[in-house]
Every structure is written in C-alpha cells, then in structure tokens.
Amino acid sequence: MIIIALTCGVITQSIGLHAVFGAFVAGLIDSQLDTGARGDLDELKAIGLGVMAPIFFAYSGMKADPASLVHPMVPLIVLGSRAPEN
C-alpha cells in the first residue's frame, strides 16, 4: 500500500497537483477494496504517524509563507473557528 500511495503521489505531483492528494486518493481506493489484509493496518498507522506525518508537517512548515498572514481576515478566521464538539 505504501508503494501504491507513493506512486499516486508522484503521478499527481507530475501533473501539477500536490503529492499528498495522490496519496489521499490511494487511501480512498484502498479503503474500498476488500483485500482481507487489515491485520497490517496497525503497522501502517505506526509508519504514517511516526514517519510520514512529521515529514509532511516539516515540509508544509518550510513551504509556508508567513507574509500571507498579514491579511486582516486571518485572525478573524482563526479566532472564529473552533473544534467540533463530541
């Protein structure tokens, strides 16, 4: 599954979309397939949370443009949003 997600990420990056979108689509496709190999799900989650998530957030943070936060609507959007209630 990791190879499929990386391949989809490379394909979407090459056509001009963000690579994360391709990996997301690969995950959606995999969730629809009934492969019977759901025992490996915990190991994939560990890889995703332990390795891929920090890489994604570090990359996103390096690409962030702090100058875009100068717009006066940004604080209103941040302050107006709240976490969904359970």
PDB file of N, CA and C in Angstrom:
ATOM      1  N   MET A   1       0.822  -1.193   0.000  1.00  0.00           N
ATOM      2  CA  MET A   1       0.000   0.000   0.000  1.00  0.00           C
ATOM      3  C   MET A   1       0.862   1.252   0.000  1.00  0.00           C
ATOM      4  N   ILE A   2       1.990   1.193   0.698  1.00  0.00           N
ATOM      5  CA  ILE A   2       2.871   2.363   0.733  1.00  0.00           C
ATOM      6  C   ILE A   2       3.418   2.659  -0.658  1.00  0.00           C
ATOM      7  N   ILE A   3       3.764   1.624  -1.389  1.00  0.00           N
ATOM      8  CA  ILE A   3       4.274   1.814  -2.761  1.00  0.00           C
ATOM      9  C   ILE A   3       3.194   2.414  -3.647  1.00  0.00           C
ATOM     10  N   ILE A   4       1.951   1.956  -3.494  1.00  0.00           N
ATOM     11  CA  ILE A   4       0.845   2.498  -4.283  1.00  0.00           C
ATOM     12  C   ILE A   4       0.614   3.962  -3.934  1.00  0.00           C
ATOM     13  N   ALA A   5       0.639   4.296  -2.640  1.00  0.00           N
ATOM     14  CA  ALA A   5       0.437   5.678  -2.222  1.00  0.00           C
ATOM     15  C   ALA A   5       1.548   6.584  -2.740  1.00  0.00           C
ATOM     16  N   LEU A   6       2.793   6.118  -2.658  1.00  0.00           N
ATOM     17  CA  LEU A   6       3.904   6.917  -3.174  1.00  0.00           C
ATOM     18  C   LEU A   6       3.815   7.089  -4.685  1.00  0.00           C
ATOM     19  N   THR A   7       3.407   6.034  -5.382  1.00  0.00           N
ATOM     20  CA  THR A   7       3.257   6.120  -6.838  1.00  0.00           C
ATOM     21  C   THR A   7       2.168   7.116  -7.214  1.00  0.00           C
ATOM     22  N   CYS A   8       1.032   7.045  -6.525  1.00  0.00           N
ATOM     23  CA  CYS A   8      -0.039   8.009  -6.799  1.00  0.00           C
ATOM     24  C   CYS A   8       0.404   9.431  -6.467  1.00  0.00           C
ATOM     25  N   GLY A   9       1.204   9.585  -5.417  1.00  0.00           N
ATOM     26  CA  GLY A   9       1.734  10.894  -5.077  1.00  0.00           C
ATOM     27  C   GLY A   9       2.650  11.441  -6.156  1.00  0.00           C
ATOM     28  N   VAL A  10       3.494  10.580  -6.715  1.00  0.00           N
ATOM     29  CA  VAL A  10       4.391  11.003  -7.796  1.00  0.00           C
ATOM     30  C   VAL A  10       3.583  11.397  -9.028  1.00  0.00           C
ATOM     31  N   ILE A  11       2.548  10.635  -9.327  1.00  0.00           N
ATOM     32  CA  ILE A  11       1.725  10.931 -10.504  1.00  0.00           C
ATOM     33  C   ILE A  11       1.014  12.267 -10.346  1.00  0.00           C
ATOM     34  N   THR A  12       0.400  12.511  -9.186  1.00  0.00           N
ATOM     35  CA  THR A  12      -0.299  13.782  -9.008  1.00  0.00           C
ATOM     36  C   THR A  12       0.671  14.955  -8.967  1.00  0.00           C
ATOM     37  N   GLN A  13       1.865  14.746  -8.416  1.00  0.00           N
ATOM     38  CA  GLN A  13       2.864  15.816  -8.420  1.00  0.00           C
ATOM     39  C   GLN A  13       3.305  16.146  -9.846  1.00  0.00           C
ATOM     40  N   SER A  14       3.421  15.110 -10.688  1.00  0.00           N
ATOM     41  CA  SER A  14       3.877  15.341 -12.058  1.00  0.00           C
ATOM     42  C   SER A  14       2.824  16.047 -12.917  1.00  0.00           C
ATOM     43  N   ILE A  15       1.538  15.926 -12.560  1.00  0.00           N
ATOM     44  CA  ILE A  15       0.512  16.623 -13.342  1.00  0.00           C
ATOM     45  C   ILE A  15       0.158  17.980 -12.745  1.00  0.00           C
ATOM     46  N   GLY A  16       0.881  18.370 -11.689  1.00  0.00           N
ATOM     47  CA  GLY A  16       0.715  19.714 -11.155  1.00  0.00           C
ATOM     48  C   GLY A  16      -0.105  19.807  -9.886  1.00  0.00           C
ATOM     49  N   LEU A  17      -0.589  18.695  -9.372  1.00  0.00           N
ATOM     50  CA  LEU A  17      -1.312  18.709  -8.104  1.00  0.00           C
ATOM     51  C   LEU A  17      -0.342  18.373  -6.974  1.00  0.00           C
ATOM     52  N   HIS A  18      -0.747  18.584  -5.755  1.00  0.00           N
ATOM     53  CA  HIS A  18       0.122  18.280  -4.619  1.00  0.00           C
ATOM     54  C   HIS A  18       0.207  16.773  -4.437  1.00  0.00           C
ATOM     55  N   ALA A  19       1.360  16.280  -4.052  1.00  0.00           N
ATOM     56  CA  ALA A  19       1.593  14.839  -3.913  1.00  0.00           C
ATOM     57  C   ALA A  19       0.715  14.212  -2.838  1.00  0.00           C
ATOM     58  N   VAL A  20       0.377  14.973  -1.806  1.00  0.00           N
ATOM     59  CA  VAL A  20      -0.450  14.434  -0.731  1.00  0.00           C
ATOM     60  C   VAL A  20      -1.836  14.058  -1.261  1.00  0.00           C
ATOM     61  N   PHE A  21      -2.320  14.790  -2.260  1.00  0.00           N
ATOM     62  CA  PHE A  21      -3.625  14.480  -2.845  1.00  0.00           C
ATOM     63  C   PHE A  21      -3.623  13.085  -3.468  1.00  0.00           C
ATOM     64  N   GLY A  22      -2.553  12.721  -4.141  1.00  0.00           N
ATOM     65  CA  GLY A  22      -2.455  11.393  -4.741  1.00  0.00           C
ATOM     66  C   GLY A  22      -2.420  10.301  -3.699  1.00  0.00           C
ATOM     67  N   ALA A  23      -1.691  10.529  -2.617  1.00  0.00           N
ATOM     68  CA  ALA A  23      -1.648   9.536  -1.541  1.00  0.00           C
ATOM     69  C   ALA A  23      -3.007   9.414  -0.872  1.00  0.00           C
ATOM     70  N   PHE A  24      -3.715  10.528  -0.750  1.00  0.00           N
ATOM     71  CA  PHE A  24      -5.061  10.505  -0.175  1.00  0.00           C
ATOM     72  C   PHE A  24      -6.015   9.692  -1.047  1.00  0.00           C
ATOM     73  N   VAL A  25      -5.939   9.909  -2.362  1.00  0.00           N
ATOM     74  CA  VAL A  25      -6.783   9.146  -3.282  1.00  0.00           C
ATOM     75  C   VAL A  25      -6.443   7.662  -3.220  1.00  0.00           C
ATOM     76  N   ALA A  26      -5.165   7.335  -3.104  1.00  0.00           N
ATOM     77  CA  ALA A  26      -4.769   5.924  -2.975  1.00  0.00           C
ATOM     78  C   ALA A  26      -5.359   5.321  -1.710  1.00  0.00           C
ATOM     79  N   GLY A  27      -5.398   6.069  -0.635  1.00  0.00           N
ATOM     80  CA  GLY A  27      -6.017   5.589   0.596  1.00  0.00           C
ATOM     81  C   GLY A  27      -7.510   5.373   0.449  1.00  0.00           C
ATOM     82  N   LEU A  28      -8.167   6.274  -0.284  1.00  0.00           N
ATOM     83  CA  LEU A  28      -9.599   6.089  -0.533  1.00  0.00           C
ATOM     84  C   LEU A  28      -9.864   4.842  -1.360  1.00  0.00           C
ATOM     85  N   ILE A  29      -9.046   4.631  -2.367  1.00  0.00           N
ATOM     86  CA  ILE A  29      -9.208   3.440  -3.205  1.00  0.00           C
ATOM     87  C   ILE A  29      -8.983   2.183  -2.379  1.00  0.00           C
ATOM     88  N   ASP A  30      -7.952   2.179  -1.543  1.00  0.00           N
ATOM     89  CA  ASP A  30      -7.658   1.012  -0.730  1.00  0.00           C
ATOM     90  C   ASP A  30      -8.766   0.720   0.279  1.00  0.00           C
ATOM     91  N   SER A  31      -9.386   1.770   0.801  1.00  0.00           N
ATOM     92  CA  SER A  31     -10.449   1.543   1.779  1.00  0.00           C
ATOM     93  C   SER A  31     -11.675   0.898   1.144  1.00  0.00           C
ATOM     94  N   GLN A  32     -11.835   1.070  -0.162  1.00  0.00           N
ATOM     95  CA  GLN A  32     -12.977   0.483  -0.863  1.00  0.00           C
ATOM     96  C   GLN A  32     -12.724  -0.970  -1.262  1.00  0.00           C
ATOM     97  N   LEU A  33     -11.460  -1.374  -1.308  1.00  0.00           N
ATOM     98  CA  LEU A  33     -11.125  -2.747  -1.679  1.00  0.00           C
ATOM     99  C   LEU A  33     -11.231  -3.654  -0.460  1.00  0.00           C
ATOM    100  N   ASP A  34     -11.726  -4.846  -0.666  1.00  0.00           N
ATOM    101  CA  ASP A  34     -11.810  -5.815   0.427  1.00  0.00           C
ATOM    102  C   ASP A  34     -10.700  -6.828   0.234  1.00  0.00           C
ATOM    103  N   THR A  35      -9.507  -6.454   0.693  1.00  0.00           N
ATOM    104  CA  THR A  35      -8.349  -7.317   0.474  1.00  0.00           C
ATOM    105  C   THR A  35      -8.188  -8.359   1.561  1.00  0.00           C
ATOM    106  N   GLY A  36      -8.800  -8.158   2.689  1.00  0.00           N
ATOM    107  CA  GLY A  36      -8.673  -9.113   3.778  1.00  0.00           C
ATOM    108  C   GLY A  36      -7.368  -8.988   4.540  1.00  0.00           C
ATOM    109  N   ALA A  37      -6.541  -8.035   4.223  1.00  0.00           N
ATOM    110  CA  ALA A  37      -5.240  -7.869   4.875  1.00  0.00           C
ATOM    111  C   ALA A  37      -5.288  -6.691   5.842  1.00  0.00           C
ATOM    112  N   ARG A  38      -6.325  -6.607   6.627  1.00  0.00           N
ATOM    113  CA  ARG A  38      -6.466  -5.486   7.561  1.00  0.00           C
ATOM    114  C   ARG A  38      -5.638  -5.681   8.824  1.00  0.00           C
ATOM    115  N   GLY A  39      -4.992  -6.818   8.972  1.00  0.00           N
ATOM    116  CA  GLY A  39      -4.136  -7.040  10.127  1.00  0.00           C
ATOM    117  C   GLY A  39      -2.914  -6.154  10.113  1.00  0.00           C
ATOM    118  N   ASP A  40      -2.515  -5.694   8.945  1.00  0.00           N
ATOM    119  CA  ASP A  40      -1.343  -4.835   8.819  1.00  0.00           C
ATOM    120  C   ASP A  40      -1.678  -3.368   9.031  1.00  0.00           C
ATOM    121  N   LEU A  41      -2.925  -3.069   9.329  1.00  0.00           N
ATOM    122  CA  LEU A  41      -3.352  -1.682   9.464  1.00  0.00           C
ATOM    123  C   LEU A  41      -2.635  -0.972  10.605  1.00  0.00           C
ATOM    124  N   ASP A  42      -2.409  -1.666  11.718  1.00  0.00           N
ATOM    125  CA  ASP A  42      -1.708  -1.041  12.844  1.00  0.00           C
ATOM    126  C   ASP A  42      -0.276  -0.677  12.483  1.00  0.00           C
ATOM    127  N   GLU A  43       0.378  -1.535  11.695  1.00  0.00           N
ATOM    128  CA  GLU A  43       1.751  -1.228  11.280  1.00  0.00           C
ATOM    129  C   GLU A  43       1.780  -0.047  10.317  1.00  0.00           C
ATOM    130  N   LEU A  44       0.797   0.045   9.423  1.00  0.00           N
ATOM    131  CA  LEU A  44       0.732   1.188   8.507  1.00  0.00           C
ATOM    132  C   LEU A  44       0.445   2.480   9.263  1.00  0.00           C
ATOM    133  N   LYS A  45      -0.412   2.403  10.278  1.00  0.00           N
ATOM    134  CA  LYS A  45      -0.688   3.595  11.086  1.00  0.00           C
ATOM    135  C   LYS A  45       0.574   4.046  11.826  1.00  0.00           C
ATOM    136  N   ALA A  46       1.340   3.085  12.330  1.00  0.00           N
ATOM    137  CA  ALA A  46       2.574   3.435  13.040  1.00  0.00           C
ATOM    138  C   ALA A  46       3.564   4.111  12.107  1.00  0.00           C
ATOM    139  N   ILE A  47       3.674   3.612  10.885  1.00  0.00           N
ATOM    140  CA  ILE A  47       4.571   4.243   9.905  1.00  0.00           C
ATOM    141  C   ILE A  47       4.057   5.628   9.542  1.00  0.00           C
ATOM    142  N   GLY A  48       2.753   5.714   9.328  1.00  0.00           N
ATOM    143  CA  GLY A  48       2.171   7.005   8.951  1.00  0.00           C
ATOM    144  C   GLY A  48       2.326   8.055  10.031  1.00  0.00           C
ATOM    145  N   LEU A  49       2.057   7.680  11.259  1.00  0.00           N
ATOM    146  CA  LEU A  49       2.142   8.650  12.350  1.00  0.00           C
ATOM    147  C   LEU A  49       3.565   8.896  12.804  1.00  0.00           C
ATOM    148  N   GLY A  50       4.402   7.873  12.729  1.00  0.00           N
ATOM    149  CA  GLY A  50       5.760   8.013  13.237  1.00  0.00           C
ATOM    150  C   GLY A  50       6.746   8.588  12.249  1.00  0.00           C
ATOM    151  N   VAL A  51       6.523   8.380  10.957  1.00  0.00           N
ATOM    152  CA  VAL A  51       7.489   8.802   9.951  1.00  0.00           C
ATOM    153  C   VAL A  51       6.892   9.821   8.988  1.00  0.00           C
ATOM    154  N   MET A  52       5.788   9.454   8.354  1.00  0.00           N
ATOM    155  CA  MET A  52       5.240  10.294   7.290  1.00  0.00           C
ATOM    156  C   MET A  52       4.640  11.605   7.800  1.00  0.00           C
ATOM    157  N   ALA A  53       3.934  11.576   8.927  1.00  0.00           N
ATOM    158  CA  ALA A  53       3.320  12.795   9.445  1.00  0.00           C
ATOM    159  C   ALA A  53       4.357  13.865   9.796  1.00  0.00           C
ATOM    160  N   PRO A  54       5.440  13.534  10.511  1.00  0.00           N
ATOM    161  CA  PRO A  54       6.439  14.574  10.773  1.00  0.00           C
ATOM    162  C   PRO A  54       7.085  15.129   9.502  1.00  0.00           C
ATOM    163  N   ILE A  55       7.314  14.270   8.525  1.00  0.00           N
ATOM    164  CA  ILE A  55       7.886  14.743   7.261  1.00  0.00           C
ATOM    165  C   ILE A  55       6.923  15.698   6.573  1.00  0.00           C
ATOM    166  N   PHE A  56       5.632  15.346   6.557  1.00  0.00           N
ATOM    167  CA  PHE A  56       4.629  16.204   5.925  1.00  0.00           C
ATOM    168  C   PHE A  56       4.562  17.561   6.610  1.00  0.00           C
ATOM    169  N   PHE A  57       4.502  17.564   7.947  1.00  0.00           N
ATOM    170  CA  PHE A  57       4.378  18.839   8.649  1.00  0.00           C
ATOM    171  C   PHE A  57       5.654  19.671   8.554  1.00  0.00           C
ATOM    172  N   ALA A  58       6.808  19.042   8.532  1.00  0.00           N
ATOM    173  CA  ALA A  58       8.054  19.789   8.356  1.00  0.00           C
ATOM    174  C   ALA A  58       8.103  20.409   6.963  1.00  0.00           C
ATOM    175  N   TYR A  59       7.730  19.635   5.949  1.00  0.00           N
ATOM    176  CA  TYR A  59       7.716  20.147   4.575  1.00  0.00           C
ATOM    177  C   TYR A  59       6.706  21.283   4.437  1.00  0.00           C
ATOM    178  N   SER A  60       5.518  21.101   4.996  1.00  0.00           N
ATOM    179  CA  SER A  60       4.489  22.145   4.912  1.00  0.00           C
ATOM    180  C   SER A  60       4.936  23.403   5.638  1.00  0.00           C
ATOM    181  N   GLY A  61       5.585  23.231   6.778  1.00  0.00           N
ATOM    182  CA  GLY A  61       6.061  24.389   7.521  1.00  0.00           C
ATOM    183  C   GLY A  61       7.147  25.154   6.791  1.00  0.00           C
ATOM    184  N   MET A  62       8.011  24.424   6.077  1.00  0.00           N
ATOM    185  CA  MET A  62       9.076  25.089   5.317  1.00  0.00           C
ATOM    186  C   MET A  62       8.525  25.821   4.102  1.00  0.00           C
ATOM    187  N   LYS A  63       7.399  25.351   3.570  1.00  0.00           N
ATOM    188  CA  LYS A  63       6.794  25.991   2.399  1.00  0.00           C
ATOM    189  C   LYS A  63       5.809  27.095   2.775  1.00  0.00           C
ATOM    190  N   ALA A  64       5.504  27.245   4.060  1.00  0.00           N
ATOM    191  CA  ALA A  64       4.544  28.250   4.491  1.00  0.00           C
ATOM    192  C   ALA A  64       5.097  29.649   4.266  1.00  0.00           C
ATOM    193  N   ASP A  65       4.210  30.554   3.926  1.00  0.00           N
ATOM    194  CA  ASP A  65       4.593  31.945   3.689  1.00  0.00           C
ATOM    195  C   ASP A  65       4.008  32.811   4.808  1.00  0.00           C
ATOM    196  N   PRO A  66       4.818  33.188   5.794  1.00  0.00           N
ATOM    197  CA  PRO A  66       4.299  33.989   6.904  1.00  0.00           C
ATOM    198  C   PRO A  66       3.756  35.345   6.457  1.00  0.00           C
ATOM    199  N   ALA A  67       4.213  35.849   5.333  1.00  0.00           N
ATOM    200  CA  ALA A  67       3.731  37.145   4.851  1.00  0.00           C
ATOM    201  C   ALA A  67       2.260  37.086   4.469  1.00  0.00           C
ATOM    202  N   SER A  68       1.755  35.908   4.162  1.00  0.00           N
ATOM    203  CA  SER A  68       0.345  35.792   3.791  1.00  0.00           C
ATOM    204  C   SER A  68      -0.577  35.916   5.001  1.00  0.00           C
ATOM    205  N   LEU A  69      -0.019  35.875   6.205  1.00  0.00           N
ATOM    206  CA  LEU A  69      -0.826  36.006   7.412  1.00  0.00           C
ATOM    207  C   LEU A  69      -1.107  37.451   7.786  1.00  0.00           C
ATOM    208  N   VAL A  70      -0.633  38.388   6.987  1.00  0.00           N
ATOM    209  CA  VAL A  70      -0.796  39.811   7.274  1.00  0.00           C
ATOM    210  C   VAL A  70      -2.224  40.277   6.987  1.00  0.00           C
ATOM    211  N   HIS A  71      -2.940  39.553   6.152  1.00  0.00           N
ATOM    212  CA  HIS A  71      -4.297  39.944   5.782  1.00  0.00           C
ATOM    213  C   HIS A  71      -5.156  40.051   7.043  1.00  0.00           C
ATOM    214  N   PRO A  72      -5.989  41.089   7.160  1.00  0.00           N
ATOM    215  CA  PRO A  72      -6.766  41.291   8.390  1.00  0.00           C
ATOM    216  C   PRO A  72      -7.815  40.205   8.659  1.00  0.00           C
ATOM    217  N   MET A  73      -8.194  39.434   7.671  1.00  0.00           N
ATOM    218  CA  MET A  73      -9.204  38.392   7.889  1.00  0.00           C
ATOM    219  C   MET A  73      -8.630  37.153   8.568  1.00  0.00           C
ATOM    220  N   VAL A  74      -7.317  36.953   8.499  1.00  0.00           N
ATOM    221  CA  VAL A  74      -6.708  35.735   9.052  1.00  0.00           C
ATOM    222  C   VAL A  74      -6.965  35.601  10.556  1.00  0.00           C
ATOM    223  N   PRO A  75      -6.733  36.639  11.377  1.00  0.00           N
ATOM    224  CA  PRO A  75      -7.031  36.481  12.808  1.00  0.00           C
ATOM    225  C   PRO A  75      -8.510  36.206  13.075  1.00  0.00           C
ATOM    226  N   LEU A  76      -9.379  36.798  12.282  1.00  0.00           N
ATOM    227  CA  LEU A  76     -10.816  36.556  12.468  1.00  0.00           C
ATOM    228  C   LEU A  76     -11.183  35.112  12.142  1.00  0.00           C
ATOM    229  N   ILE A  77     -10.577  34.570  11.110  1.00  0.00           N
ATOM    230  CA  ILE A  77     -10.851  33.177  10.749  1.00  0.00           C
ATOM    231  C   ILE A  77     -10.334  32.241  11.836  1.00  0.00           C
ATOM    232  N   VAL A  78      -9.121  32.513  12.317  1.00  0.00           N
ATOM    233  CA  VAL A  78      -8.531  31.654  13.351  1.00  0.00           C
ATOM    234  C   VAL A  78      -9.339  31.741  14.652  1.00  0.00           C
ATOM    235  N   LEU A  79      -9.697  32.955  15.051  1.00  0.00           N
ATOM    236  CA  LEU A  79     -10.444  33.118  16.285  1.00  0.00           C
ATOM    237  C   LEU A  79     -11.889  32.629  16.149  1.00  0.00           C
ATOM    238  N   GLY A  80     -12.433  32.703  14.950  1.00  0.00           N
ATOM    239  CA  GLY A  80     -13.829  32.293  14.732  1.00  0.00           C
ATOM    240  C   GLY A  80     -13.990  30.791  14.595  1.00  0.00           C
ATOM    241  N   SER A  81     -12.910  30.082  14.312  1.00  0.00           N
ATOM    242  CA  SER A  81     -13.021  28.632  14.170  1.00  0.00           C
ATOM    243  C   SER A  81     -12.859  27.975  15.531  1.00  0.00           C
ATOM    244  N   ARG A  82     -13.518  26.881  15.698  1.00  0.00           N
ATOM    245  CA  ARG A  82     -13.392  26.141  16.950  1.00  0.00           C
ATOM    246  C   ARG A  82     -13.489  24.660  16.648  1.00  0.00           C
ATOM    247  N   ALA A  83     -13.008  23.866  17.558  1.00  0.00           N
ATOM    248  CA  ALA A  83     -13.024  22.415  17.384  1.00  0.00           C
ATOM    249  C   ALA A  83     -14.462  21.913  17.465  1.00  0.00           C
ATOM    250  N   PRO A  84     -14.781  20.880  16.662  1.00  0.00           N
ATOM    251  CA  PRO A  84     -16.136  20.327  16.724  1.00  0.00           C
ATOM    252  C   PRO A  84     -16.383  19.658  18.074  1.00  0.00           C
ATOM    253  N   GLU A  85     -17.596  19.759  18.528  1.00  0.00           N
ATOM    254  CA  GLU A  85     -17.954  19.163  19.809  1.00  0.00           C
ATOM    255  C   GLU A  85     -18.316  17.703  19.619  1.00  0.00           C
ATOM    256  N   ASN A  86     -17.974  16.900  20.609  1.00  0.00           N
ATOM    257  CA  ASN A  86     -18.284  15.459  20.538  1.00  0.00           C
ATOM    258  C   ASN A  86     -19.704  15.173  20.885  1.00  0.00           C
TER     259      ASN A  86
END
